[in-house]
Amino acid sequence: MNMRRVFPAVMVALLASLTSAHAAAQPTDMFSISGTVVNAKEGGPLSKVRLVVSDVRNSENLQSLLTGEDGRFKFRVRAGKYSLQAAKRGYISSAYNQHEQYSTAIVAGAGLNSENLKFRMSPAAVLSGKVLDDAGDPVRDASITLYREDHRSGVSRIRTFRKSKTDDQGYYEFTPLEDGTYFISAMATPWYAFRPSRGEGKIEGADENPSLDVAYPITFYAGATESDEATPIPIRGGDRLDVDIHLAPVPALHFVFHVDGDPTRAFQTPVLQKPVFDGFDYVQSGDVRMLSPGTYESAGVAAGRYVIGTQGGEGRDSEIELANDGQEIENAPQTPAVEVRASVQVAGENVLPAKLELALRNSNQKLAAWSSVDEKGNASFAVVPGRYVVLAGSPGKAYSVARISFGGVQTAGRLINVPTASTLNLSLTLVGGAVTVEGVAKRASQPVPGAMIVLIPKDPETDKDMFRRDQSDSDGSFALQGVIPGTYTIIAIEDGWDLDWAKPGVIAGYGRNGRSVTIGSQETGTLKLKQPIEVQPK
């Protein structure tokens, strides 16, 4: 069951009324949802846990209670499907058997087992420590970034999770934290750093002590200055880890940046980013001053790999290696950008959806450009020549590109090749995800709760946005929503949440034992699978 919408609605309703009344019912109409809440790490029962059970189809229909000393709970409900959430100070609030935004709903009714549940709650972890300089003194106001490894996109990624600042004692703290693998970095400027004024790489009036012209490189635990050498921090429920980061000053580099384009254009100052794991962190680059129109000097930067661009300028970002003091960098002319103009229509819909957006994904699987579609169905991008996948979507509904027409030629699919030209005009036909696929996950004819259900598109490499997932409920049922027309394979994997399920090489083996399903271009409503999906081991 997808919890993105259910959990917030439940909590709002709970705050509005914890005593929401239920219509009177005869005992024969009622069923029990019962079990015990336990500490996921130690296994013992948990008392005074706030539990909320709510009807999946009507989140305002809810009940709430506190567990006793034995951790037991029991609700009386009508036949139906219910979400079950738990909250307790010092523990991670979660839904029953939750993984990412998915959980297992409890199905109550005749012949169904909704009793003797074991609700495992993970105690919250704490990661704290100090940032210290080379003398062992605390570094105040340092920027701390916590990164976390996740599989939400189907491929293992390490992304920024939270940010913080050290206090006047150099202390930081992150809590509550769930189980996972984390990384941490610190970025600061030495309080005593002095930047001598330079021009065109020559010192105009050097300071008496040039050794004060220093910088702290972005530093990861434990001591690495590049993210691919950072030490991972495994965290499990209830951990209280103390992790200090030690900053060591290095000679600061001054570099000269020449802006490509109109030198009179304002705000074209250099902007530095540091490649960090699967993203970028902006770098505190010290002082920036204009030496002449179109030429800037930046001071106080540690040597290393960076991505540099301009604030407010027309030049595109480029990767550089800063190694020498006084290094000169040209924002060199690159292949001219091509303006891609797109006119959009949606098959079967007379009115364009609100807040419809298009995006182009490059061969590195990154978004190269995106644009909102106006009320006339037009959008435009500026990208360098290359091969792109065209993506579409809106907040209320999933969309995909069914056909592309350009130069009088119509093609199926979403791939385009942007040639070297001034403009490229496209006509796009979109289809919306209007189908829900429902089924049951079983093993040896018995329903399996908590399995990861994956809908694999025919071309998983190109159609990454057409994957759908869910988690099977207590009766093994699942519902894959917003499915785009196309041909798919449905699989069920037990405990597969840490798999790189979007990688063709990983998912292919499971797909051979899956079930094929085709969604027609005009199909809407719900497609119920007649045969169960066999649950496979990870």
Protein backbone atom coordinates (compact mmCIF):
# COMPACT_ATOMS: atom_id res chain seq x y z
CA MET A 1 0.00 0.00 0.00
CA ASN A 2 1.35 3.43 -0.98
CA MET A 3 1.46 5.65 2.12
CA ARG A 4 2.22 8.99 0.42
CA ARG A 5 -1.38 10.15 0.69
CA VAL A 6 -2.76 7.94 3.46
CA PHE A 7 -0.37 8.79 6.31
CA PRO A 8 -0.66 12.63 6.18
CA ALA A 9 -4.45 12.47 5.86
CA VAL A 10 -4.67 10.13 8.83
CA MET A 11 -2.59 12.32 11.08
CA VAL A 12 -4.61 15.43 10.15
CA ALA A 13 -7.82 13.61 10.90
CA LEU A 14 -6.40 12.30 14.17
CA LEU A 15 -5.49 15.78 15.34
CA ALA A 16 -8.96 16.95 14.40
CA SER A 17 -10.65 14.23 16.42
CA LEU A 18 -9.10 11.32 18.32
CA THR A 19 -12.58 10.24 19.34
CA SER A 20 -14.16 9.91 15.91
CA ALA A 21 -17.36 7.96 16.51
CA HIS A 22 -18.30 4.81 14.69
CA ALA A 23 -21.88 3.90 13.85
CA ALA A 24 -23.33 1.25 16.07
CA ALA A 25 -22.89 -2.26 14.70
CA GLN A 26 -23.88 -5.73 15.62
CA PRO A 27 -21.05 -7.92 16.99
CA THR A 28 -21.34 -10.23 13.96
CA ASP A 29 -20.46 -7.30 11.71
CA MET A 30 -17.20 -6.59 13.54
CA PHE A 31 -13.70 -8.04 13.34
CA SER A 32 -10.52 -7.60 15.35
CA ILE A 33 -7.21 -6.01 14.40
CA SER A 34 -4.90 -6.95 17.25
CA GLY A 35 -1.31 -7.67 18.13
CA THR A 36 1.74 -6.47 20.03
CA VAL A 37 4.09 -3.53 19.49
CA VAL A 38 7.72 -4.53 20.08
CA ASN A 39 11.15 -2.92 20.01
CA ALA A 40 12.62 -3.91 16.62
CA LYS A 41 16.13 -3.98 18.07
CA GLU A 42 15.60 -5.78 21.39
CA GLY A 43 12.31 -7.57 20.80
CA GLY A 44 10.60 -6.52 24.04
CA PRO A 45 7.05 -5.10 24.20
CA LEU A 46 6.55 -1.33 24.07
CA SER A 47 4.04 0.44 26.30
CA LYS A 48 2.34 3.80 25.76
CA VAL A 49 2.59 3.60 21.98
CA ARG A 50 -0.04 5.69 20.22
CA LEU A 51 -1.67 3.49 17.58
CA VAL A 52 -4.07 4.75 14.93
CA VAL A 53 -6.10 2.49 12.67
CA SER A 54 -7.92 4.10 9.75
CA ASP A 55 -10.01 2.99 6.81
CA VAL A 56 -7.89 3.18 3.63
CA ARG A 57 -10.92 4.38 1.64
CA ASN A 58 -12.04 6.90 4.26
CA SER A 59 -9.16 8.20 6.39
CA GLU A 60 -11.56 10.09 8.67
CA ASN A 61 -12.93 6.77 9.85
CA LEU A 62 -10.32 6.05 12.50
CA GLN A 63 -9.67 4.84 16.02
CA SER A 64 -6.80 5.49 18.41
CA LEU A 65 -5.43 3.87 21.56
CA LEU A 66 -2.33 3.56 23.77
CA THR A 67 -0.70 0.18 24.30
CA GLY A 68 -0.50 -1.22 27.82
CA GLU A 69 2.57 -2.45 29.65
CA ASP A 70 2.48 -5.66 27.62
CA GLY A 71 2.48 -3.74 24.33
CA ARG A 72 -0.84 -5.28 23.32
CA PHE A 73 -3.48 -3.54 21.21
CA LYS A 74 -6.91 -4.47 19.87
CA PHE A 75 -9.31 -2.63 17.59
CA ARG A 76 -12.82 -3.65 16.58
CA VAL A 77 -13.58 -2.74 12.98
CA ARG A 78 -15.97 -3.52 10.16
CA ALA A 79 -14.81 -5.63 7.23
CA GLY A 80 -12.39 -3.60 5.10
CA LYS A 81 -8.81 -2.56 4.52
CA TYR A 82 -7.04 -0.48 7.18
CA SER A 83 -3.77 1.32 7.61
CA LEU A 84 -2.07 1.03 11.00
CA GLN A 85 0.36 3.67 12.29
CA ALA A 86 2.36 3.91 15.50
CA ALA A 87 4.15 6.76 17.28
CA LYS A 88 6.19 6.90 20.49
CA ARG A 89 8.77 9.37 21.75
CA GLY A 90 12.26 8.12 21.04
CA TYR A 91 11.12 5.85 18.20
CA ILE A 92 10.63 6.26 14.46
CA SER A 93 6.96 6.89 13.70
CA SER A 94 5.89 4.47 11.00
CA ALA A 95 3.11 2.44 9.43
CA TYR A 96 2.88 -1.31 9.84
CA ASN A 97 5.81 -3.07 8.10
CA GLN A 98 6.77 0.19 6.37
CA HIS A 99 9.44 0.38 3.66
CA GLU A 100 10.09 3.83 2.18
CA GLN A 101 6.61 5.23 1.39
CA TYR A 102 5.00 1.77 1.27
CA SER A 103 3.46 -0.35 4.01
CA THR A 104 1.21 -3.34 4.56
CA ALA A 105 -2.46 -2.58 5.11
CA ILE A 106 -4.47 -4.88 7.37
CA VAL A 107 -7.46 -6.52 5.70
CA ALA A 108 -10.22 -7.52 8.13
CA GLY A 109 -13.12 -9.76 7.25
CA ALA A 110 -14.55 -13.26 7.32
CA GLY A 111 -11.88 -15.92 6.85
CA LEU A 112 -9.02 -13.39 7.05
CA ASN A 113 -6.34 -13.27 9.73
CA SER A 114 -5.97 -9.75 11.14
CA GLU A 115 -4.95 -10.76 14.67
CA ASN A 116 -1.70 -11.53 16.50
CA LEU A 117 0.20 -8.93 14.48
CA LYS A 118 3.72 -8.01 15.53
CA PHE A 119 4.37 -4.30 14.97
CA ARG A 120 8.13 -3.66 15.10
CA MET A 121 9.15 -0.09 15.97
CA SER A 122 12.75 1.02 15.48
CA PRO A 123 14.26 3.18 18.21
CA ALA A 124 15.53 6.49 16.85
CA ALA A 125 19.27 6.81 16.37
CA VAL A 126 21.41 9.87 17.13
CA LEU A 127 24.50 11.00 15.23
CA SER A 128 26.43 13.79 16.88
CA GLY A 129 29.94 15.08 17.27
CA LYS A 130 32.24 18.07 16.97
CA VAL A 131 34.09 19.81 14.19
CA LEU A 132 37.64 20.58 15.31
CA ASP A 133 40.55 22.44 13.72
CA ASP A 134 44.16 21.26 13.52
CA ALA A 135 44.82 22.55 17.04
CA GLY A 136 41.87 20.61 18.44
CA ASP A 137 39.78 23.76 18.96
CA PRO A 138 36.08 23.77 18.04
CA VAL A 139 35.04 25.25 14.69
CA ARG A 140 31.86 27.25 15.11
CA ASP A 141 29.28 27.86 12.37
CA ALA A 142 30.63 25.06 10.17
CA SER A 143 28.18 23.75 7.56
CA ILE A 144 27.42 20.08 8.20
CA THR A 145 25.82 17.89 5.53
CA LEU A 146 24.45 14.43 6.21
CA TYR A 147 24.07 12.12 3.21
CA ARG A 148 22.14 8.87 3.03
CA GLU A 149 22.19 5.90 0.67
CA ASP A 150 18.75 5.06 -0.74
CA HIS A 151 17.11 2.92 -3.42
CA ARG A 152 13.94 4.91 -4.03
CA SER A 153 14.84 5.52 -7.67
CA GLY A 154 15.63 1.84 -8.21
CA VAL A 155 19.36 2.46 -8.28
CA SER A 156 21.55 2.95 -5.23
CA ARG A 157 22.15 6.69 -4.80
CA ILE A 158 23.85 8.71 -2.09
CA ARG A 159 22.00 12.00 -1.68
CA THR A 160 21.89 14.92 0.71
CA PHE A 161 19.62 13.98 3.61
CA ARG A 162 19.88 16.87 6.10
CA LYS A 163 21.96 19.96 6.79
CA SER A 164 22.95 21.70 10.01
CA LYS A 165 25.44 24.14 11.57
CA THR A 166 27.82 23.71 14.46
CA ASP A 167 27.21 25.77 17.59
CA ASP A 168 29.80 27.91 19.41
CA GLN A 169 31.35 24.72 20.82
CA GLY A 170 31.67 23.15 17.37
CA TYR A 171 28.88 20.68 18.20
CA TYR A 172 26.28 19.24 15.80
CA GLU A 173 23.52 16.66 16.14
CA PHE A 174 21.18 14.79 13.79
CA THR A 175 18.15 12.95 15.20
CA PRO A 176 15.89 11.04 14.80
CA LEU A 177 17.61 8.80 12.26
CA GLU A 178 16.37 5.55 10.78
CA ASP A 179 18.42 2.48 9.96
CA GLY A 180 20.68 3.09 7.00
CA THR A 181 24.11 3.92 5.66
CA TYR A 182 25.11 7.55 6.08
CA PHE A 183 28.03 9.84 5.22
CA ILE A 184 28.87 13.24 6.67
CA SER A 185 30.90 16.28 5.64
CA ALA A 186 31.92 19.64 7.08
CA MET A 187 32.69 22.89 5.31
CA ALA A 188 34.04 26.03 6.98
CA THR A 189 36.45 28.96 6.63
CA PRO A 190 39.39 29.40 9.04
CA TRP A 191 38.56 32.31 11.32
CA TYR A 192 42.07 33.72 10.96
CA ALA A 193 42.30 33.43 7.16
CA PHE A 194 43.59 36.51 5.34
CA ARG A 195 43.25 37.04 1.59
CA PRO A 196 45.99 39.23 0.09
CA SER A 197 44.85 41.38 -2.81
CA ARG A 198 46.08 40.12 -6.15
CA GLY A 199 45.67 41.11 -9.74
CA GLU A 200 46.25 39.03 -12.84
CA GLY A 201 48.02 36.46 -10.64
CA LYS A 202 50.53 38.89 -9.08
CA ILE A 203 50.57 40.12 -5.51
CA GLU A 204 50.00 43.86 -5.38
CA GLY A 205 50.65 44.24 -1.68
CA ALA A 206 51.40 40.94 -0.08
CA ASP A 207 50.53 40.42 3.54
CA GLU A 208 53.41 40.13 5.96
CA ASN A 209 52.34 36.59 6.75
CA PRO A 210 51.13 34.85 3.58
CA SER A 211 50.76 31.61 5.54
CA LEU A 212 47.43 33.02 6.74
CA ASP A 213 46.08 32.71 3.21
CA VAL A 214 44.57 29.27 3.85
CA ALA A 215 41.31 27.41 3.34
CA TYR A 216 39.58 24.29 4.65
CA PRO A 217 38.72 21.79 1.93
CA ILE A 218 35.31 20.19 2.27
CA THR A 219 36.10 17.30 4.59
CA PHE A 220 34.29 14.00 5.00
CA TYR A 221 34.48 11.50 7.81
CA ALA A 222 37.16 10.23 8.31
CA GLY A 223 39.52 12.83 6.85
CA ALA A 224 38.76 12.40 3.12
CA THR A 225 38.46 15.47 0.90
CA GLU A 226 36.76 13.64 -1.99
CA SER A 227 33.44 11.88 -1.52
CA ASP A 228 34.54 8.64 -3.20
CA GLU A 229 37.03 8.20 -0.34
CA ALA A 230 34.57 9.02 2.45
CA THR A 231 34.01 6.45 5.20
CA PRO A 232 30.41 5.18 5.46
CA ILE A 233 28.62 5.33 8.82
CA PRO A 234 26.23 2.37 9.28
CA ILE A 235 23.44 3.31 11.69
CA ARG A 236 20.96 0.96 13.32
CA GLY A 237 17.98 1.71 15.53
CA GLY A 238 18.93 3.06 18.94
CA ASP A 239 22.54 3.82 18.03
CA ARG A 240 24.12 6.89 19.61
CA LEU A 241 27.23 7.57 17.57
CA ASP A 242 29.80 10.25 18.28
CA VAL A 243 31.62 11.25 15.10
CA ASP A 244 34.14 14.11 15.11
CA ILE A 245 35.41 15.76 11.94
CA HIS A 246 38.89 17.26 11.91
CA LEU A 247 39.61 20.12 9.51
CA ALA A 248 43.15 20.80 8.32
CA PRO A 249 44.04 24.09 6.59
CA VAL A 250 45.69 24.01 3.16
CA PRO A 251 47.11 26.84 1.04
CA ALA A 252 44.28 28.78 -0.53
CA LEU A 253 44.25 29.12 -4.29
CA HIS A 254 43.42 32.27 -6.20
CA PHE A 255 42.13 31.80 -9.71
CA VAL A 256 41.13 34.14 -12.51
CA PHE A 257 37.87 33.45 -14.33
CA HIS A 258 37.22 34.84 -17.80
CA VAL A 259 33.53 35.04 -18.69
CA ASP A 260 32.56 34.05 -22.21
CA GLY A 261 30.02 36.37 -23.80
CA ASP A 262 29.05 39.99 -23.22
CA PRO A 263 31.53 41.30 -20.58
CA THR A 264 29.17 44.14 -19.65
CA ARG A 265 26.46 41.71 -18.56
CA ALA A 266 25.93 41.99 -14.82
CA PHE A 267 26.16 39.27 -12.17
CA GLN A 268 28.29 36.85 -14.17
CA THR A 269 30.43 36.01 -11.16
CA PRO A 270 31.90 32.48 -10.94
CA VAL A 271 29.97 29.88 -8.96
CA LEU A 272 31.75 26.78 -7.67
CA GLN A 273 30.17 23.42 -6.91
CA LYS A 274 31.89 20.35 -5.57
CA PRO A 275 30.92 16.95 -7.06
CA VAL A 276 29.74 15.01 -4.01
CA PHE A 277 28.45 11.43 -4.33
CA ASP A 278 25.46 11.62 -6.70
CA GLY A 279 25.04 15.39 -6.57
CA PHE A 280 26.81 18.69 -5.95
CA ASP A 281 27.48 20.95 -2.96
CA TYR A 282 27.97 24.68 -3.34
CA VAL A 283 31.39 25.77 -2.14
CA GLN A 284 32.20 28.73 0.08
CA SER A 285 34.63 30.28 -2.38
CA GLY A 286 35.83 33.21 -0.31
CA ASP A 287 36.14 36.62 -1.90
CA VAL A 288 35.23 37.31 -5.52
CA ARG A 289 36.08 40.60 -7.20
CA MET A 290 36.01 41.92 -10.72
CA LEU A 291 39.43 42.72 -12.17
CA SER A 292 37.99 44.08 -15.41
CA PRO A 293 34.74 43.65 -17.35
CA GLY A 294 34.35 39.92 -17.92
CA THR A 295 37.32 38.94 -15.72
CA TYR A 296 36.99 37.94 -12.07
CA GLU A 297 39.33 36.79 -9.35
CA SER A 298 38.19 34.27 -6.75
CA ALA A 299 40.21 33.74 -3.56
CA GLY A 300 40.24 31.25 -0.73
CA VAL A 301 39.61 27.96 -2.55
CA ALA A 302 41.26 24.63 -1.72
CA ALA A 303 42.70 22.58 -4.55
CA GLY A 304 40.47 19.87 -6.00
CA ARG A 305 37.82 18.92 -8.53
CA TYR A 306 34.98 21.38 -9.08
CA VAL A 307 32.18 22.30 -11.43
CA ILE A 308 32.26 25.98 -12.32
CA GLY A 309 29.65 28.18 -13.94
CA THR A 310 28.35 31.73 -13.74
CA GLN A 311 25.64 33.35 -11.70
CA GLY A 312 23.29 35.11 -14.09
CA GLY A 313 25.45 34.37 -17.13
CA GLU A 314 24.93 32.45 -20.32
CA GLY A 315 27.93 30.11 -20.09
CA ARG A 316 27.32 26.49 -19.16
CA ASP A 317 28.87 24.60 -16.26
CA SER A 318 32.15 22.80 -16.86
CA GLU A 319 34.33 20.51 -14.77
CA ILE A 320 37.74 21.81 -13.75
CA GLU A 321 40.71 20.74 -11.65
CA LEU A 322 42.05 23.56 -9.49
CA ALA A 323 45.70 22.79 -8.80
CA ASN A 324 47.79 25.96 -9.16
CA ASP A 325 47.69 29.36 -7.54
CA GLY A 326 46.88 32.06 -10.07
CA GLN A 327 45.31 29.53 -12.46
CA GLU A 328 43.33 31.11 -15.27
CA ILE A 329 40.04 29.55 -16.32
CA GLU A 330 38.17 30.32 -19.50
CA ASN A 331 34.42 29.86 -19.59
CA ALA A 332 35.21 28.52 -23.03
CA PRO A 333 32.67 28.59 -25.83
CA GLN A 334 30.94 25.22 -26.11
CA THR A 335 28.71 23.78 -28.77
CA PRO A 336 25.89 26.32 -29.15
CA ALA A 337 22.66 25.39 -27.43
CA VAL A 338 19.72 24.30 -29.55
CA GLU A 339 16.28 25.70 -28.80
CA VAL A 340 13.81 22.81 -28.68
CA ARG A 341 10.22 23.94 -29.15
CA ALA A 342 7.44 21.50 -28.35
CA SER A 343 3.70 21.63 -28.97
CA VAL A 344 1.76 19.24 -26.74
CA GLN A 345 -1.55 17.42 -26.93
CA VAL A 346 -2.92 14.69 -24.66
CA ALA A 347 -4.67 11.73 -26.27
CA GLY A 348 -8.30 11.48 -25.19
CA GLU A 349 -8.26 14.78 -23.27
CA ASN A 350 -9.65 18.01 -24.71
CA VAL A 351 -8.18 20.21 -22.00
CA LEU A 352 -4.53 20.17 -20.99
CA PRO A 353 -3.94 19.20 -17.36
CA ALA A 354 -2.93 21.93 -14.93
CA LYS A 355 0.77 22.36 -14.20
CA LEU A 356 1.87 20.00 -16.96
CA GLU A 357 5.64 19.87 -17.31
CA LEU A 358 8.14 18.42 -19.77
CA ALA A 359 11.76 17.45 -19.15
CA LEU A 360 14.69 16.10 -21.13
CA ARG A 361 16.87 13.36 -19.62
CA ASN A 362 20.34 12.92 -21.09
CA SER A 363 22.40 9.78 -21.64
CA ASN A 364 23.86 10.15 -18.11
CA GLN A 365 20.34 9.70 -16.70
CA LYS A 366 20.24 13.31 -15.46
CA LEU A 367 17.69 15.99 -16.20
CA ALA A 368 19.26 18.34 -18.74
CA ALA A 369 16.34 20.77 -19.03
CA TRP A 370 12.70 21.17 -18.06
CA SER A 371 9.84 23.52 -18.92
CA SER A 372 6.24 24.17 -17.97
CA VAL A 373 3.64 23.76 -20.71
CA ASP A 374 1.62 26.96 -21.22
CA GLU A 375 -2.15 27.14 -21.71
CA LYS A 376 -1.70 26.84 -25.49
CA GLY A 377 0.27 23.62 -25.12
CA ASN A 378 3.70 25.06 -25.88
CA ALA A 379 7.03 24.56 -24.12
CA SER A 380 10.67 25.23 -24.96
CA PHE A 381 14.15 24.13 -23.83
CA ALA A 382 17.74 25.03 -24.58
CA VAL A 383 20.11 22.04 -24.67
CA VAL A 384 23.32 21.01 -26.37
CA PRO A 385 23.05 18.54 -29.27
CA GLY A 386 22.67 14.95 -28.15
CA ARG A 387 20.31 12.10 -27.40
CA TYR A 388 17.49 12.68 -24.90
CA VAL A 389 14.43 10.98 -23.43
CA VAL A 390 11.37 13.25 -23.25
CA LEU A 391 9.51 13.03 -19.92
CA ALA A 392 6.11 14.45 -18.98
CA GLY A 393 4.06 14.74 -15.82
CA SER A 394 1.76 16.78 -13.64
CA PRO A 395 1.10 16.82 -9.88
CA GLY A 396 -2.26 15.07 -10.27
CA LYS A 397 -1.47 12.39 -12.83
CA ALA A 398 1.36 10.50 -14.48
CA TYR A 399 1.91 11.07 -18.20
CA SER A 400 4.20 9.64 -20.83
CA VAL A 401 5.11 10.52 -24.41
CA ALA A 402 3.42 8.14 -26.86
CA ARG A 403 4.43 9.75 -30.17
CA ILE A 404 6.83 12.41 -31.38
CA SER A 405 6.58 14.18 -34.72
CA PHE A 406 9.30 16.40 -36.18
CA GLY A 407 10.31 17.23 -39.73
CA GLY A 408 7.16 15.54 -41.02
CA VAL A 409 8.21 12.20 -39.52
CA GLN A 410 6.26 10.55 -36.69
CA THR A 411 7.91 8.06 -34.36
CA ALA A 412 6.67 5.97 -31.45
CA GLY A 413 8.48 6.31 -28.16
CA ARG A 414 10.19 9.14 -26.32
CA LEU A 415 13.73 9.31 -27.70
CA ILE A 416 14.91 12.33 -29.67
CA ASN A 417 18.23 13.23 -31.23
CA VAL A 418 18.87 16.96 -31.00
CA PRO A 419 21.05 17.92 -33.99
CA THR A 420 23.43 20.85 -34.35
CA ALA A 421 20.97 23.55 -35.36
CA SER A 422 19.44 26.76 -34.12
CA THR A 423 16.00 25.29 -33.36
CA LEU A 424 14.16 21.97 -33.34
CA ASN A 425 10.36 21.89 -33.53
CA LEU A 426 8.51 18.90 -32.05
CA SER A 427 4.90 17.81 -31.75
CA LEU A 428 4.27 15.55 -28.77
CA THR A 429 1.29 13.31 -28.07
CA LEU A 430 0.99 12.30 -24.42
CA VAL A 431 -0.98 9.53 -22.75
CA GLY A 432 -2.06 9.59 -19.14
CA GLY A 433 -1.77 6.87 -16.53
CA ALA A 434 -5.44 6.05 -16.03
CA VAL A 435 -5.27 2.37 -15.10
CA THR A 436 -4.90 0.64 -11.74
CA VAL A 437 -3.59 -2.93 -11.84
CA GLU A 438 -4.77 -5.05 -8.92
CA GLY A 439 -3.64 -8.54 -7.98
CA VAL A 440 -2.56 -10.89 -5.21
CA ALA A 441 0.96 -12.03 -4.26
CA LYS A 442 1.17 -15.67 -3.20
CA ARG A 443 3.62 -18.47 -2.53
CA ALA A 444 2.44 -22.07 -2.65
CA SER A 445 -1.17 -20.80 -2.90
CA GLN A 446 -0.82 -18.80 0.35
CA PRO A 447 -1.02 -14.96 0.39
CA VAL A 448 2.26 -13.22 1.19
CA PRO A 449 2.11 -9.85 2.99
CA GLY A 450 4.92 -7.28 2.75
CA ALA A 451 6.29 -8.34 -0.65
CA MET A 452 7.68 -5.69 -2.99
CA ILE A 453 5.59 -5.60 -6.17
CA VAL A 454 7.30 -4.18 -9.27
CA LEU A 455 5.73 -3.36 -12.63
CA ILE A 456 8.59 -3.56 -15.17
CA PRO A 457 8.18 -1.69 -18.49
CA LYS A 458 9.12 -3.40 -21.74
CA ASP A 459 12.21 -1.19 -22.07
CA PRO A 460 13.41 -0.64 -18.49
CA GLU A 461 16.49 1.31 -19.59
CA THR A 462 14.55 4.00 -21.47
CA ASP A 463 11.23 3.92 -19.64
CA LYS A 464 12.44 4.34 -16.08
CA ASP A 465 9.53 6.63 -15.20
CA MET A 466 7.03 3.90 -16.19
CA PHE A 467 8.05 1.57 -13.35
CA ARG A 468 5.39 1.21 -10.65
CA ARG A 469 5.73 -0.34 -7.19
CA ASP A 470 3.59 -1.32 -4.25
CA GLN A 471 3.74 -3.50 -1.15
CA SER A 472 1.36 -6.39 -0.65
CA ASP A 473 -1.20 -6.13 2.15
CA SER A 474 -2.02 -8.70 4.83
CA ASP A 475 -4.15 -10.75 2.38
CA GLY A 476 -1.44 -10.50 -0.33
CA SER A 477 -3.40 -7.92 -2.35
CA PHE A 478 -1.74 -4.98 -4.11
CA ALA A 479 -2.70 -2.08 -6.39
CA LEU A 480 -0.36 -0.44 -8.92
CA GLN A 481 -1.79 2.98 -9.71
CA GLY A 482 -1.37 5.44 -12.57
CA VAL A 483 -0.14 2.83 -15.05
CA ILE A 484 0.76 4.21 -18.50
CA PRO A 485 -0.41 2.27 -21.59
CA GLY A 486 2.23 -0.26 -22.64
CA THR A 487 3.53 -3.80 -22.16
CA TYR A 488 4.85 -4.81 -18.75
CA THR A 489 5.97 -7.67 -16.56
CA ILE A 490 4.73 -7.86 -12.96
CA ILE A 491 6.91 -9.48 -10.30
CA ALA A 492 6.80 -9.92 -6.52
CA ILE A 493 10.00 -10.11 -4.46
CA GLU A 494 10.26 -10.94 -0.79
CA ASP A 495 12.29 -8.37 1.15
CA GLY A 496 13.59 -6.77 -2.05
CA TRP A 497 13.70 -3.18 -0.85
CA ASP A 498 17.47 -2.79 -1.05
CA LEU A 499 17.68 -4.13 -4.60
CA ASP A 500 18.67 -1.92 -7.54
CA TRP A 501 15.36 -2.88 -9.12
CA ALA A 502 15.57 -0.30 -11.95
CA LYS A 503 18.78 -1.78 -13.35
CA PRO A 504 17.97 -4.02 -16.32
CA GLY A 505 20.71 -6.47 -15.37
CA VAL A 506 19.31 -6.85 -11.84
CA ILE A 507 15.60 -7.05 -12.65
CA ALA A 508 15.89 -9.29 -15.73
CA GLY A 509 16.30 -12.50 -13.71
CA TYR A 510 13.15 -11.80 -11.71
CA GLY A 511 11.25 -10.78 -14.83
CA ARG A 512 11.67 -14.22 -16.38
CA ASN A 513 9.41 -15.59 -13.64
CA GLY A 514 6.94 -12.71 -13.75
CA ARG A 515 3.57 -12.27 -15.44
CA SER A 516 3.08 -10.27 -18.64
CA VAL A 517 0.34 -7.64 -18.86
CA THR A 518 -0.58 -5.14 -21.59
CA ILE A 519 -2.43 -1.87 -21.00
CA GLY A 520 -4.24 -0.57 -24.09
CA SER A 521 -4.01 3.06 -25.21
CA GLN A 522 -7.71 3.69 -24.47
CA GLU A 523 -7.93 1.58 -21.33
CA THR A 524 -9.11 3.15 -18.06
CA GLY A 525 -10.29 2.00 -14.66
CA THR A 526 -9.05 -1.12 -12.88
CA LEU A 527 -7.48 -4.22 -14.37
CA LYS A 528 -7.80 -7.21 -12.03
CA LEU A 529 -5.28 -9.99 -12.60
CA LYS A 530 -6.95 -13.39 -12.76
CA GLN A 531 -3.90 -15.36 -11.62
CA PRO A 532 -1.78 -14.61 -8.53
CA ILE A 533 1.81 -13.35 -8.78
CA GLU A 534 4.27 -15.87 -7.38
CA VAL A 535 6.55 -14.30 -4.75
CA GLN A 536 10.24 -14.83 -5.49
CA PRO A 537 13.06 -14.83 -2.93
CA LYS A 538 15.54 -11.95 -3.13
